Amino acid sequence: MVTRGFTGRRPARPEAERLPPGQYLTEDFPVLQLGPTPRLDTARWRFTLRDGAKPLKSWTWAEFEALPRTRWKGDIHCVTKWSKFDTAWEGVTFDDLLAAAGIAAPTAYLLAEGYDDYTTNVPVADLVGGKGMVATRYAGEPIPPDHGGPARLLVPHLYFWKSAKWVKGLRFTQKDEAGFWELRGYHMVGDPWREQRFTGD
């Protein structure tokens, strides 16, 4: 059941005002990924919160689907310069994950980890207060595998490489550790409105 809104949604504005600098609008939903698309069986899927190597809480797919759900509609922006308006997602907010686990975030930083071994850093401050969710539906349907289904992180105020596909968990870290693309020169924050594409931007 969807219980509440996902904050951060902006009211409708003219198209030019909704495009961050250097971006163009697309009606498509481009697929960009490092390798073959994982085909994940939800009967074996698990999502785990960890503090370093220590598991804090883990959910099966059925358990995860029973958590409070939130819908969000808004714009997404890829570092490759496409933006897509009015995308509709549904999932479990980071705040609700912490509440369901009965914990507060143990550190200020984490790495999102995918079943394809992809990682990306996201500060906790960019997830709390309704700013991030683990999404399991797009446009009212299960997320297709090409777009990260069955579950992907959604951090829509940052470039979309931060919204890790095929996410299997969030690992809290003692410091802000670079993930896959950050180790290869991408920005540690990735704010599209500040055009933080690469280190030094």
N, C-alpha and C. Protein backbone atom coordinates (compact mmCIF):
# COMPACT_ATOMS: atom_id res chain seq x y z
N MET A 1 0.85 -1.18 0.00
CA MET A 1 0.00 0.00 0.00
C MET A 1 0.89 1.24 0.00
N VAL A 2 0.58 2.19 -0.81
CA VAL A 2 1.34 3.43 -0.85
C VAL A 2 0.88 4.30 0.30
N THR A 3 1.81 4.76 1.10
CA THR A 3 1.45 5.43 2.33
C THR A 3 1.65 6.93 2.32
N ARG A 4 2.60 7.41 1.56
CA ARG A 4 2.82 8.84 1.58
C ARG A 4 3.68 9.27 0.41
N GLY A 5 3.78 10.57 0.25
CA GLY A 5 4.51 11.11 -0.88
C GLY A 5 6.00 11.06 -0.67
N PHE A 6 6.71 11.27 -1.75
CA PHE A 6 8.17 11.24 -1.81
C PHE A 6 8.58 12.67 -2.04
N THR A 7 9.20 13.30 -1.08
CA THR A 7 9.46 14.73 -1.18
C THR A 7 10.51 15.02 -2.23
N GLY A 8 10.63 16.27 -2.60
CA GLY A 8 11.58 16.67 -3.60
C GLY A 8 10.94 16.93 -4.95
N ARG A 9 9.66 16.59 -5.11
CA ARG A 9 8.97 16.81 -6.37
C ARG A 9 8.75 18.29 -6.59
N ARG A 10 9.08 18.74 -7.79
CA ARG A 10 8.89 20.14 -8.12
C ARG A 10 7.59 20.32 -8.88
N PRO A 11 6.94 21.46 -8.74
CA PRO A 11 5.74 21.72 -9.54
C PRO A 11 6.11 21.84 -11.01
N ALA A 12 5.08 21.68 -11.88
CA ALA A 12 5.33 21.78 -13.31
C ALA A 12 5.90 23.15 -13.65
N ARG A 13 6.94 23.17 -14.47
CA ARG A 13 7.58 24.42 -14.87
C ARG A 13 7.85 24.36 -16.36
N PRO A 14 8.14 25.49 -16.96
CA PRO A 14 8.50 25.45 -18.39
C PRO A 14 9.66 24.51 -18.63
N GLU A 15 9.65 23.89 -19.82
CA GLU A 15 10.65 22.87 -20.13
C GLU A 15 12.08 23.37 -19.91
N ALA A 16 12.37 24.57 -20.38
CA ALA A 16 13.75 25.07 -20.28
C ALA A 16 14.20 25.18 -18.83
N GLU A 17 13.28 25.47 -17.93
CA GLU A 17 13.64 25.60 -16.52
C GLU A 17 13.85 24.24 -15.86
N ARG A 18 13.35 23.18 -16.51
CA ARG A 18 13.47 21.84 -15.92
C ARG A 18 14.72 21.11 -16.39
N LEU A 19 15.41 21.66 -17.38
CA LEU A 19 16.61 21.02 -17.89
C LEU A 19 17.85 21.59 -17.22
N PRO A 20 18.61 20.77 -16.51
CA PRO A 20 19.89 21.24 -15.96
C PRO A 20 20.84 21.65 -17.09
N PRO A 21 21.87 22.40 -16.79
CA PRO A 21 22.80 22.85 -17.83
C PRO A 21 23.44 21.68 -18.58
N GLY A 22 23.50 21.82 -19.91
CA GLY A 22 24.15 20.81 -20.74
C GLY A 22 23.28 19.61 -21.08
N GLN A 23 22.02 19.58 -20.62
CA GLN A 23 21.14 18.44 -20.84
C GLN A 23 20.20 18.69 -22.01
N TYR A 24 19.72 17.60 -22.66
CA TYR A 24 18.66 17.70 -23.67
C TYR A 24 17.53 16.76 -23.27
N LEU A 25 16.34 17.09 -23.72
CA LEU A 25 15.16 16.30 -23.37
C LEU A 25 14.97 15.15 -24.35
N THR A 26 14.67 13.97 -23.80
CA THR A 26 14.34 12.83 -24.64
C THR A 26 13.00 12.24 -24.19
N GLU A 27 12.27 11.70 -25.17
CA GLU A 27 11.03 10.98 -24.84
C GLU A 27 11.33 9.50 -24.63
N ASP A 28 12.51 9.05 -25.07
CA ASP A 28 12.90 7.65 -24.90
C ASP A 28 13.39 7.43 -23.46
N PHE A 29 13.73 6.20 -23.18
CA PHE A 29 14.36 5.86 -21.91
C PHE A 29 15.61 5.05 -22.26
N PRO A 30 16.72 5.76 -22.57
CA PRO A 30 17.93 5.06 -23.02
C PRO A 30 18.41 4.04 -21.99
N VAL A 31 19.01 2.98 -22.48
CA VAL A 31 19.57 1.93 -21.62
C VAL A 31 21.09 1.98 -21.72
N LEU A 32 21.74 2.24 -20.60
CA LEU A 32 23.20 2.28 -20.53
C LEU A 32 23.64 1.37 -19.40
N GLN A 33 24.54 0.45 -19.68
CA GLN A 33 25.00 -0.46 -18.64
C GLN A 33 26.36 -1.01 -19.00
N LEU A 34 27.01 -1.62 -18.02
CA LEU A 34 28.38 -2.07 -18.19
C LEU A 34 28.49 -3.40 -18.92
N GLY A 35 27.51 -4.25 -18.76
CA GLY A 35 27.61 -5.60 -19.32
C GLY A 35 26.23 -6.17 -19.60
N PRO A 36 26.14 -7.50 -19.68
CA PRO A 36 24.86 -8.14 -19.93
C PRO A 36 23.85 -7.82 -18.82
N THR A 37 22.59 -7.80 -19.18
CA THR A 37 21.54 -7.52 -18.21
C THR A 37 21.33 -8.73 -17.30
N PRO A 38 21.51 -8.56 -15.98
CA PRO A 38 21.22 -9.69 -15.08
C PRO A 38 19.73 -10.04 -15.11
N ARG A 39 19.43 -11.30 -15.06
CA ARG A 39 18.03 -11.76 -14.97
C ARG A 39 17.87 -12.35 -13.56
N LEU A 40 17.25 -11.61 -12.68
CA LEU A 40 17.21 -11.97 -11.27
C LEU A 40 15.87 -12.61 -10.92
N ASP A 41 15.94 -13.71 -10.23
CA ASP A 41 14.76 -14.45 -9.79
C ASP A 41 14.34 -13.88 -8.43
N THR A 42 13.14 -13.32 -8.35
CA THR A 42 12.71 -12.72 -7.08
C THR A 42 12.57 -13.78 -5.97
N ALA A 43 12.46 -15.05 -6.33
CA ALA A 43 12.39 -16.10 -5.31
C ALA A 43 13.72 -16.23 -4.56
N ARG A 44 14.79 -15.75 -5.20
CA ARG A 44 16.13 -15.83 -4.57
C ARG A 44 16.68 -14.45 -4.22
N TRP A 45 15.96 -13.41 -4.59
CA TRP A 45 16.41 -12.03 -4.38
C TRP A 45 16.42 -11.69 -2.89
N ARG A 46 17.43 -10.96 -2.46
CA ARG A 46 17.47 -10.42 -1.10
C ARG A 46 18.04 -9.01 -1.17
N PHE A 47 17.61 -8.19 -0.26
CA PHE A 47 18.15 -6.83 -0.12
C PHE A 47 18.66 -6.68 1.31
N THR A 48 19.90 -6.20 1.44
CA THR A 48 20.56 -6.20 2.75
C THR A 48 21.16 -4.84 3.06
N LEU A 49 20.94 -4.36 4.26
CA LEU A 49 21.65 -3.21 4.80
C LEU A 49 22.83 -3.74 5.60
N ARG A 50 24.01 -3.15 5.37
CA ARG A 50 25.21 -3.58 6.08
C ARG A 50 25.93 -2.37 6.66
N ASP A 51 26.60 -2.59 7.79
CA ASP A 51 27.53 -1.62 8.34
C ASP A 51 28.91 -2.20 8.11
N GLY A 52 29.59 -1.75 7.06
CA GLY A 52 30.78 -2.44 6.63
C GLY A 52 30.41 -3.85 6.19
N ALA A 53 31.07 -4.86 6.75
CA ALA A 53 30.77 -6.25 6.39
C ALA A 53 29.63 -6.83 7.22
N LYS A 54 29.23 -6.12 8.28
CA LYS A 54 28.22 -6.65 9.22
C LYS A 54 26.80 -6.44 8.71
N PRO A 55 26.05 -7.51 8.49
CA PRO A 55 24.65 -7.34 8.08
C PRO A 55 23.82 -6.72 9.21
N LEU A 56 23.00 -5.75 8.86
CA LEU A 56 22.12 -5.11 9.83
C LEU A 56 20.69 -5.61 9.70
N LYS A 57 20.25 -5.79 8.45
CA LYS A 57 18.89 -6.24 8.19
C LYS A 57 18.81 -6.71 6.75
N SER A 58 18.06 -7.78 6.53
CA SER A 58 17.91 -8.31 5.19
C SER A 58 16.46 -8.67 4.95
N TRP A 59 16.00 -8.46 3.71
CA TRP A 59 14.62 -8.76 3.35
C TRP A 59 14.59 -9.68 2.13
N THR A 60 13.65 -10.62 2.14
CA THR A 60 13.33 -11.35 0.91
C THR A 60 12.47 -10.43 0.04
N TRP A 61 12.19 -10.87 -1.18
CA TRP A 61 11.35 -10.07 -2.06
C TRP A 61 9.95 -9.88 -1.45
N ALA A 62 9.38 -10.97 -0.93
CA ALA A 62 8.04 -10.88 -0.35
C ALA A 62 8.03 -9.93 0.84
N GLU A 63 9.05 -10.00 1.67
CA GLU A 63 9.15 -9.11 2.83
C GLU A 63 9.33 -7.66 2.38
N PHE A 64 10.13 -7.47 1.34
CA PHE A 64 10.38 -6.11 0.85
C PHE A 64 9.11 -5.51 0.26
N GLU A 65 8.37 -6.32 -0.47
CA GLU A 65 7.13 -5.84 -1.08
C GLU A 65 6.07 -5.49 -0.05
N ALA A 66 6.21 -6.00 1.16
CA ALA A 66 5.24 -5.72 2.23
C ALA A 66 5.58 -4.45 3.00
N LEU A 67 6.73 -3.84 2.71
CA LEU A 67 7.11 -2.61 3.42
C LEU A 67 6.27 -1.43 2.91
N PRO A 68 6.17 -0.36 3.71
CA PRO A 68 5.43 0.83 3.25
C PRO A 68 5.96 1.31 1.91
N ARG A 69 5.05 1.69 1.03
CA ARG A 69 5.44 2.05 -0.33
C ARG A 69 5.12 3.52 -0.59
N THR A 70 5.91 4.10 -1.47
CA THR A 70 5.78 5.52 -1.80
C THR A 70 5.88 5.67 -3.31
N ARG A 71 5.08 6.60 -3.86
CA ARG A 71 5.17 6.91 -5.29
C ARG A 71 5.84 8.25 -5.47
N TRP A 72 6.59 8.37 -6.55
CA TRP A 72 7.25 9.63 -6.90
C TRP A 72 7.16 9.84 -8.40
N LYS A 73 6.86 11.06 -8.81
CA LYS A 73 6.85 11.41 -10.23
C LYS A 73 7.70 12.65 -10.43
N GLY A 74 8.62 12.59 -11.38
CA GLY A 74 9.48 13.74 -11.62
C GLY A 74 10.50 13.46 -12.71
N ASP A 75 11.49 14.33 -12.77
CA ASP A 75 12.46 14.32 -13.87
C ASP A 75 13.75 13.60 -13.44
N ILE A 76 14.36 12.91 -14.41
CA ILE A 76 15.63 12.25 -14.16
C ILE A 76 16.65 12.75 -15.19
N HIS A 77 17.94 12.70 -14.81
CA HIS A 77 18.98 13.30 -15.63
C HIS A 77 20.19 12.38 -15.67
N CYS A 78 20.61 12.00 -16.86
CA CYS A 78 21.78 11.12 -17.02
C CYS A 78 23.02 11.95 -17.31
N VAL A 79 24.15 11.49 -16.81
CA VAL A 79 25.41 12.20 -17.03
C VAL A 79 25.77 12.24 -18.52
N THR A 80 25.20 11.34 -19.33
CA THR A 80 25.44 11.36 -20.77
C THR A 80 24.61 12.43 -21.48
N LYS A 81 23.91 13.25 -20.70
CA LYS A 81 23.26 14.49 -21.11
C LYS A 81 21.79 14.36 -21.52
N TRP A 82 21.19 13.16 -21.43
CA TRP A 82 19.75 13.13 -21.66
C TRP A 82 19.01 13.33 -20.34
N SER A 83 17.85 13.96 -20.47
CA SER A 83 16.93 14.10 -19.33
C SER A 83 15.57 13.60 -19.78
N LYS A 84 14.84 13.03 -18.86
CA LYS A 84 13.49 12.54 -19.14
C LYS A 84 12.55 13.10 -18.09
N PHE A 85 11.46 13.70 -18.56
CA PHE A 85 10.54 14.36 -17.64
C PHE A 85 9.42 13.41 -17.20
N ASP A 86 8.88 13.70 -16.03
CA ASP A 86 7.65 13.08 -15.54
C ASP A 86 7.71 11.56 -15.47
N THR A 87 8.85 11.04 -15.04
CA THR A 87 8.94 9.59 -14.83
C THR A 87 8.21 9.25 -13.52
N ALA A 88 7.61 8.06 -13.48
CA ALA A 88 6.79 7.66 -12.32
C ALA A 88 7.36 6.38 -11.71
N TRP A 89 7.69 6.45 -10.45
CA TRP A 89 8.33 5.34 -9.75
C TRP A 89 7.57 5.01 -8.47
N GLU A 90 7.76 3.79 -8.01
CA GLU A 90 7.16 3.37 -6.74
C GLU A 90 8.15 2.44 -6.04
N GLY A 91 8.28 2.62 -4.73
CA GLY A 91 9.19 1.77 -3.99
C GLY A 91 9.18 2.10 -2.52
N VAL A 92 10.28 1.79 -1.86
CA VAL A 92 10.41 1.96 -0.41
C VAL A 92 11.47 3.03 -0.16
N THR A 93 11.09 4.07 0.54
CA THR A 93 12.06 5.14 0.79
C THR A 93 13.17 4.65 1.74
N PHE A 94 14.30 5.32 1.64
CA PHE A 94 15.41 5.02 2.55
C PHE A 94 14.98 5.21 3.99
N ASP A 95 14.18 6.24 4.25
CA ASP A 95 13.68 6.48 5.61
C ASP A 95 12.87 5.28 6.11
N ASP A 96 12.02 4.74 5.24
CA ASP A 96 11.21 3.59 5.65
C ASP A 96 12.05 2.32 5.81
N LEU A 97 13.12 2.21 5.02
CA LEU A 97 14.02 1.06 5.22
C LEU A 97 14.66 1.11 6.59
N LEU A 98 15.16 2.30 6.96
CA LEU A 98 15.78 2.43 8.29
C LEU A 98 14.76 2.14 9.39
N ALA A 99 13.54 2.67 9.22
CA ALA A 99 12.50 2.44 10.23
C ALA A 99 12.16 0.97 10.35
N ALA A 100 12.06 0.29 9.21
CA ALA A 100 11.73 -1.14 9.23
C ALA A 100 12.86 -1.95 9.86
N ALA A 101 14.09 -1.48 9.67
CA ALA A 101 15.23 -2.17 10.28
C ALA A 101 15.40 -1.81 11.75
N GLY A 102 14.72 -0.74 12.18
CA GLY A 102 14.83 -0.33 13.58
C GLY A 102 16.15 0.29 13.91
N ILE A 103 16.74 1.00 12.94
CA ILE A 103 18.07 1.58 13.15
C ILE A 103 18.10 3.02 12.66
N ALA A 104 19.09 3.75 13.13
CA ALA A 104 19.48 5.00 12.51
C ALA A 104 20.70 4.71 11.64
N ALA A 105 20.92 5.55 10.65
CA ALA A 105 22.09 5.34 9.80
C ALA A 105 23.36 5.35 10.67
N PRO A 106 24.17 4.29 10.64
CA PRO A 106 25.33 4.22 11.54
C PRO A 106 26.49 5.11 11.11
N THR A 107 26.52 5.52 9.83
CA THR A 107 27.57 6.42 9.34
C THR A 107 26.93 7.42 8.38
N ALA A 108 27.70 8.38 7.94
CA ALA A 108 27.18 9.43 7.05
C ALA A 108 27.31 9.07 5.57
N TYR A 109 27.89 7.90 5.29
CA TYR A 109 28.15 7.54 3.90
C TYR A 109 27.76 6.09 3.64
N LEU A 110 27.51 5.79 2.38
CA LEU A 110 27.27 4.39 2.02
C LEU A 110 27.62 4.17 0.55
N LEU A 111 27.73 2.89 0.24
CA LEU A 111 27.87 2.45 -1.14
C LEU A 111 26.63 1.63 -1.50
N ALA A 112 25.99 1.98 -2.61
CA ALA A 112 24.94 1.13 -3.15
C ALA A 112 25.61 0.02 -3.94
N GLU A 113 25.14 -1.22 -3.73
CA GLU A 113 25.78 -2.37 -4.36
C GLU A 113 24.76 -3.11 -5.23
N GLY A 114 25.18 -3.44 -6.45
CA GLY A 114 24.30 -4.14 -7.37
C GLY A 114 24.66 -5.61 -7.51
N TYR A 115 23.69 -6.38 -8.00
CA TYR A 115 23.94 -7.79 -8.27
C TYR A 115 24.97 -8.00 -9.38
N ASP A 116 25.23 -6.93 -10.15
CA ASP A 116 26.25 -7.02 -11.20
C ASP A 116 27.61 -6.55 -10.69
N ASP A 117 27.74 -6.40 -9.35
CA ASP A 117 28.97 -5.94 -8.69
C ASP A 117 29.25 -4.46 -8.90
N TYR A 118 28.30 -3.74 -9.49
CA TYR A 118 28.43 -2.28 -9.61
C TYR A 118 28.27 -1.65 -8.23
N THR A 119 29.03 -0.59 -8.00
CA THR A 119 28.87 0.17 -6.77
C THR A 119 28.86 1.66 -7.09
N THR A 120 28.21 2.45 -6.25
CA THR A 120 28.29 3.90 -6.36
C THR A 120 28.09 4.50 -4.98
N ASN A 121 28.81 5.56 -4.70
CA ASN A 121 28.71 6.20 -3.38
C ASN A 121 27.53 7.16 -3.36
N VAL A 122 26.83 7.19 -2.24
CA VAL A 122 25.77 8.17 -2.01
C VAL A 122 25.81 8.56 -0.54
N PRO A 123 26.07 9.82 -0.23
CA PRO A 123 26.00 10.24 1.17
C PRO A 123 24.59 10.02 1.73
N VAL A 124 24.53 9.67 3.00
CA VAL A 124 23.22 9.46 3.63
C VAL A 124 22.35 10.71 3.52
N ALA A 125 22.98 11.88 3.57
CA ALA A 125 22.22 13.14 3.47
C ALA A 125 21.46 13.25 2.16
N ASP A 126 21.91 12.53 1.12
CA ASP A 126 21.22 12.56 -0.17
C ASP A 126 20.10 11.53 -0.27
N LEU A 127 19.87 10.78 0.80
CA LEU A 127 18.83 9.75 0.79
C LEU A 127 17.73 10.00 1.82
N VAL A 128 18.10 10.60 2.95
CA VAL A 128 17.12 10.80 4.02
C VAL A 128 16.16 11.93 3.68
N GLY A 129 15.08 12.02 4.45
CA GLY A 129 14.10 13.08 4.22
C GLY A 129 13.32 12.89 2.94
N GLY A 130 13.17 11.63 2.52
CA GLY A 130 12.39 11.34 1.32
C GLY A 130 13.12 11.60 0.02
N LYS A 131 14.45 11.71 0.05
CA LYS A 131 15.19 12.02 -1.18
C LYS A 131 15.64 10.80 -1.96
N GLY A 132 15.54 9.61 -1.36
CA GLY A 132 15.95 8.41 -2.07
C GLY A 132 15.06 7.23 -1.73
N MET A 133 14.91 6.32 -2.69
CA MET A 133 14.11 5.11 -2.46
C MET A 133 14.74 3.95 -3.21
N VAL A 134 14.35 2.75 -2.81
CA VAL A 134 14.62 1.56 -3.62
C VAL A 134 13.33 1.29 -4.38
N ALA A 135 13.37 1.53 -5.68
CA ALA A 135 12.17 1.44 -6.52
C ALA A 135 12.01 0.03 -7.06
N THR A 136 10.76 -0.42 -7.10
CA THR A 136 10.45 -1.73 -7.67
C THR A 136 9.43 -1.65 -8.79
N ARG A 137 8.90 -0.45 -9.05
CA ARG A 137 7.95 -0.27 -10.14
C ARG A 137 8.26 1.03 -10.88
N TYR A 138 8.05 0.97 -12.22
CA TYR A 138 8.19 2.15 -13.06
C TYR A 138 6.94 2.24 -13.94
N ALA A 139 6.35 3.40 -13.97
CA ALA A 139 5.13 3.63 -14.75
C ALA A 139 4.05 2.61 -14.41
N GLY A 140 3.98 2.24 -13.15
CA GLY A 140 2.92 1.35 -12.67
C GLY A 140 3.17 -0.12 -12.89
N GLU A 141 4.32 -0.46 -13.47
CA GLU A 141 4.63 -1.86 -13.78
C GLU A 141 5.95 -2.25 -13.11
N PRO A 142 6.18 -3.56 -12.93
CA PRO A 142 7.51 -3.97 -12.45
C PRO A 142 8.60 -3.38 -13.33
N ILE A 143 9.70 -2.96 -12.74
CA ILE A 143 10.80 -2.36 -13.51
C ILE A 143 11.39 -3.42 -14.44
N PRO A 144 11.45 -3.13 -15.75
CA PRO A 144 12.04 -4.12 -16.67
C PRO A 144 13.52 -4.34 -16.33
N PRO A 145 14.02 -5.54 -16.60
CA PRO A 145 15.43 -5.82 -16.30
C PRO A 145 16.39 -4.80 -16.91
N ASP A 146 16.14 -4.35 -18.13
CA ASP A 146 17.05 -3.39 -18.77
C ASP A 146 17.15 -2.08 -17.99
N HIS A 147 16.14 -1.77 -17.24
CA HIS A 147 16.15 -0.54 -16.46
C HIS A 147 16.43 -0.79 -14.98
N GLY A 148 16.94 -1.99 -14.67
CA GLY A 148 17.40 -2.24 -13.31
C GLY A 148 16.51 -3.11 -12.47
N GLY A 149 15.41 -3.63 -13.04
CA GLY A 149 14.52 -4.48 -12.28
C GLY A 149 15.15 -5.81 -11.90
N PRO A 150 14.70 -6.36 -10.79
CA PRO A 150 13.45 -6.04 -10.10
C PRO A 150 13.51 -4.83 -9.17
N ALA A 151 14.71 -4.36 -8.80
CA ALA A 151 14.78 -3.22 -7.88
C ALA A 151 16.02 -2.39 -8.19
N ARG A 152 15.86 -1.07 -8.16
CA ARG A 152 17.00 -0.19 -8.35
C ARG A 152 16.90 0.95 -7.36
N LEU A 153 18.05 1.50 -7.03
CA LEU A 153 18.06 2.71 -6.21
C LEU A 153 17.54 3.86 -7.06
N LEU A 154 16.83 4.80 -6.45
CA LEU A 154 16.36 6.00 -7.14
C LEU A 154 16.76 7.21 -6.30
N VAL A 155 17.67 8.01 -6.86
CA VAL A 155 18.12 9.25 -6.22
C VAL A 155 17.98 10.33 -7.29
N PRO A 156 16.76 10.80 -7.53
CA PRO A 156 16.50 11.58 -8.75
C PRO A 156 17.13 12.96 -8.78
N HIS A 157 17.58 13.48 -7.65
CA HIS A 157 18.19 14.81 -7.70
C HIS A 157 19.67 14.75 -8.07
N LEU A 158 20.21 13.54 -8.23
CA LEU A 158 21.60 13.37 -8.69
C LEU A 158 21.59 12.71 -10.07
N TYR A 159 22.73 12.82 -10.79
CA TYR A 159 22.83 12.12 -12.07
C TYR A 159 22.48 10.66 -11.88
N PHE A 160 21.94 10.06 -12.94
CA PHE A 160 21.29 8.77 -12.79
C PHE A 160 22.27 7.61 -12.56
N TRP A 161 23.58 7.83 -12.73
CA TRP A 161 24.50 6.72 -12.40
C TRP A 161 24.48 6.42 -10.91
N LYS A 162 23.98 7.40 -10.11
CA LYS A 162 23.86 7.15 -8.66
C LYS A 162 22.66 6.26 -8.33
N SER A 163 21.73 6.12 -9.26
CA SER A 163 20.54 5.29 -9.05
C SER A 163 20.85 3.87 -9.51
N ALA A 164 21.63 3.17 -8.71
CA ALA A 164 22.19 1.88 -9.10
C ALA A 164 21.11 0.88 -9.50
N LYS A 165 21.34 0.26 -10.67
CA LYS A 165 20.44 -0.80 -11.13
C LYS A 165 20.68 -2.10 -10.35
N TRP A 166 19.71 -2.99 -10.39
CA TRP A 166 19.78 -4.35 -9.84
C TRP A 166 20.37 -4.32 -8.42
N VAL A 167 19.91 -3.38 -7.65
CA VAL A 167 20.53 -3.15 -6.34
C VAL A 167 20.25 -4.33 -5.40
N LYS A 168 21.28 -4.72 -4.69
CA LYS A 168 21.13 -5.82 -3.73
C LYS A 168 21.33 -5.36 -2.30
N GLY A 169 21.80 -4.12 -2.12
CA GLY A 169 21.95 -3.65 -0.76
C GLY A 169 22.65 -2.31 -0.68
N LEU A 170 22.67 -1.79 0.53
CA LEU A 170 23.36 -0.54 0.84
C LEU A 170 24.34 -0.84 1.96
N ARG A 171 25.61 -0.48 1.72
CA ARG A 171 26.66 -0.77 2.71
C ARG A 171 27.18 0.55 3.28
N PHE A 172 26.93 0.77 4.57
CA PHE A 172 27.42 1.98 5.23
C PHE A 172 28.93 1.91 5.34
N THR A 173 29.58 3.06 5.10
CA THR A 173 31.04 3.13 5.13
C THR A 173 31.48 4.24 6.08
N GLN A 174 32.66 4.10 6.62
CA GLN A 174 33.16 5.09 7.58
C GLN A 174 33.52 6.41 6.91
N LYS A 175 33.86 6.35 5.63
CA LYS A 175 34.20 7.56 4.88
C LYS A 175 33.53 7.49 3.52
N ASP A 176 33.60 8.57 2.77
CA ASP A 176 32.96 8.64 1.46
C ASP A 176 33.84 7.90 0.45
N GLU A 177 33.53 6.62 0.21
CA GLU A 177 34.34 5.79 -0.67
C GLU A 177 33.82 5.86 -2.09
N ALA A 178 34.73 5.96 -3.05
CA ALA A 178 34.35 6.00 -4.45
C ALA A 178 33.83 4.65 -4.91
N GLY A 179 32.82 4.68 -5.77
CA GLY A 179 32.30 3.46 -6.38
C GLY A 179 32.91 3.25 -7.76
N PHE A 180 32.21 2.46 -8.58
CA PHE A 180 32.77 2.06 -9.88
C PHE A 180 33.13 3.27 -10.75
N TRP A 181 32.18 4.13 -11.03
CA TRP A 181 32.45 5.26 -11.92
C TRP A 181 33.26 6.35 -11.23
N GLU A 182 33.06 6.52 -9.94
CA GLU A 182 33.82 7.55 -9.22
C GLU A 182 35.32 7.21 -9.24
N LEU A 183 35.66 5.92 -9.18
CA LEU A 183 37.06 5.52 -9.27
C LEU A 183 37.64 5.80 -10.66
N ARG A 184 36.75 5.98 -11.64
CA ARG A 184 37.18 6.22 -13.02
C ARG A 184 36.99 7.67 -13.44
N GLY A 185 36.89 8.56 -12.45
CA GLY A 185 36.90 9.99 -12.75
C GLY A 185 35.58 10.70 -12.67
N TYR A 186 34.49 9.96 -12.39
CA TYR A 186 33.21 10.65 -12.23
C TYR A 186 33.17 11.36 -10.87
N HIS A 187 32.32 12.35 -10.80
CA HIS A 187 32.24 13.21 -9.61
C HIS A 187 31.71 12.42 -8.40
N MET A 188 32.18 12.75 -7.23
CA MET A 188 31.73 12.06 -6.01
C MET A 188 30.31 12.44 -5.62
N VAL A 189 29.82 13.60 -6.08
CA VAL A 189 28.46 14.01 -5.75
C VAL A 189 27.52 13.79 -6.94
N GLY A 190 27.77 14.44 -8.06
CA GLY A 190 26.95 14.22 -9.24
C GLY A 190 25.66 15.02 -9.27
N ASP A 191 25.72 16.29 -8.88
CA ASP A 191 24.54 17.16 -8.92
C ASP A 191 24.38 17.71 -10.34
N PRO A 192 23.29 17.35 -11.03
CA PRO A 192 23.14 17.83 -12.42
C PRO A 192 22.98 19.34 -12.53
N TRP A 193 22.43 19.98 -11.50
CA TRP A 193 22.23 21.43 -11.56
C TRP A 193 23.53 22.18 -11.37
N ARG A 194 24.56 21.50 -10.85
CA ARG A 194 25.90 22.09 -10.75
C ARG A 194 26.84 21.47 -11.79
N GLU A 195 26.27 20.65 -12.68
CA GLU A 195 27.00 19.97 -13.76
C GLU A 195 28.25 19.27 -13.23
N GLN A 196 28.07 18.50 -12.17
CA GLN A 196 29.18 17.77 -11.55
C GLN A 196 29.31 16.39 -12.20
N ARG A 197 29.85 16.40 -13.42
CA ARG A 197 29.99 15.15 -14.16
C ARG A 197 31.28 14.42 -13.77
N PHE A 198 32.37 15.17 -13.71
CA PHE A 198 33.68 14.55 -13.50
C PHE A 198 34.41 15.22 -12.34
N THR A 199 35.39 14.52 -11.80
CA THR A 199 36.21 15.08 -10.73
C THR A 199 36.75 16.45 -11.15
N GLY A 200 36.56 17.42 -10.30
CA GLY A 200 37.02 18.77 -10.60
C GLY A 200 35.96 19.68 -11.14
N ASP A 201 34.80 19.11 -11.59
CA ASP A 201 33.70 19.96 -12.08
C ASP A 201 33.11 20.78 -10.94
